[in-house]
Amino acid sequence: MDNILSRYTLRINRILLEKLGYIASSEGRTKNKEIEQLIKKRIAEYEQKYGAIDLNDEY
């Protein structure tokens, strides 16, 4: 898999985004990096329960 950063527009409630910013700041991260950490955590949880995700499979 290429190590290329992809752009993705996220539409989110302003209050949620501000709260996320608060948490990110307290952890020394940007909002973007905080979102990335949350995604990584969710993927790890999913793969632990269902097995590794094979990106060659169609979804």
Protein backbone atom coordinates (compact mmCIF):
# COMPACT_ATOMS: atom_id res chain seq x y z
CA MET A 1 0.00 0.00 0.00
CA ASP A 2 1.32 3.44 -0.88
CA ASN A 3 2.25 5.72 1.96
CA ILE A 4 0.44 8.68 0.39
CA LEU A 5 -1.71 10.96 2.51
CA SER A 6 -5.27 11.22 1.25
CA ARG A 7 -7.55 14.19 1.75
CA TYR A 8 -11.05 13.68 3.07
CA THR A 9 -13.66 16.31 3.84
CA LEU A 10 -15.43 15.66 7.11
CA ARG A 11 -18.71 17.32 7.96
CA ILE A 12 -19.19 17.39 11.71
CA ASN A 13 -21.24 19.25 14.27
CA ARG A 14 -19.34 22.37 15.39
CA ILE A 15 -19.65 21.53 19.10
CA LEU A 16 -18.23 18.03 18.53
CA LEU A 17 -15.33 19.51 16.57
CA GLU A 18 -14.60 22.04 19.33
CA LYS A 19 -14.66 19.28 21.96
CA LEU A 20 -12.38 17.16 19.80
CA GLY A 21 -10.03 20.14 19.52
CA TYR A 22 -9.99 20.45 23.32
CA ILE A 23 -9.09 16.77 23.73
CA ALA A 24 -6.49 16.93 20.95
CA SER A 25 -4.85 19.98 22.51
CA SER A 26 -4.71 18.32 25.93
CA GLU A 27 -2.95 15.34 24.30
CA GLY A 28 -0.51 17.56 22.38
CA ARG A 29 -2.07 16.72 19.00
CA THR A 30 -3.82 18.53 16.22
CA LYS A 31 -7.46 17.74 15.55
CA ASN A 32 -6.36 15.90 12.42
CA LYS A 33 -3.93 13.68 14.35
CA GLU A 34 -6.55 13.05 17.04
CA ILE A 35 -9.01 11.87 14.39
CA GLU A 36 -6.27 9.66 12.91
CA GLN A 37 -5.63 8.09 16.33
CA LEU A 38 -9.35 7.43 16.82
CA ILE A 39 -9.57 5.78 13.39
CA LYS A 40 -6.53 3.60 14.11
CA LYS A 41 -8.02 2.54 17.44
CA ARG A 42 -11.36 1.64 15.81
CA ILE A 43 -9.66 -0.37 13.05
CA ALA A 44 -7.58 -2.27 15.62
CA GLU A 45 -10.74 -3.08 17.63
CA TYR A 46 -12.53 -4.26 14.50
CA GLU A 47 -9.64 -6.41 13.31
CA GLN A 48 -9.21 -7.97 16.73
CA LYS A 49 -12.86 -9.02 16.67
CA TYR A 50 -13.21 -10.01 12.99
CA GLY A 51 -9.66 -10.56 11.75
CA ALA A 52 -7.39 -8.52 9.53
CA ILE A 53 -9.04 -6.45 6.84
CA ASP A 54 -7.95 -7.58 3.38
CA LEU A 55 -8.04 -4.51 1.16
CA ASN A 56 -8.02 -6.74 -1.91
CA ASP A 57 -11.55 -7.84 -0.98
CA GLU A 58 -14.32 -5.71 -2.40
CA TYR A 59 -16.45 -3.91 0.13
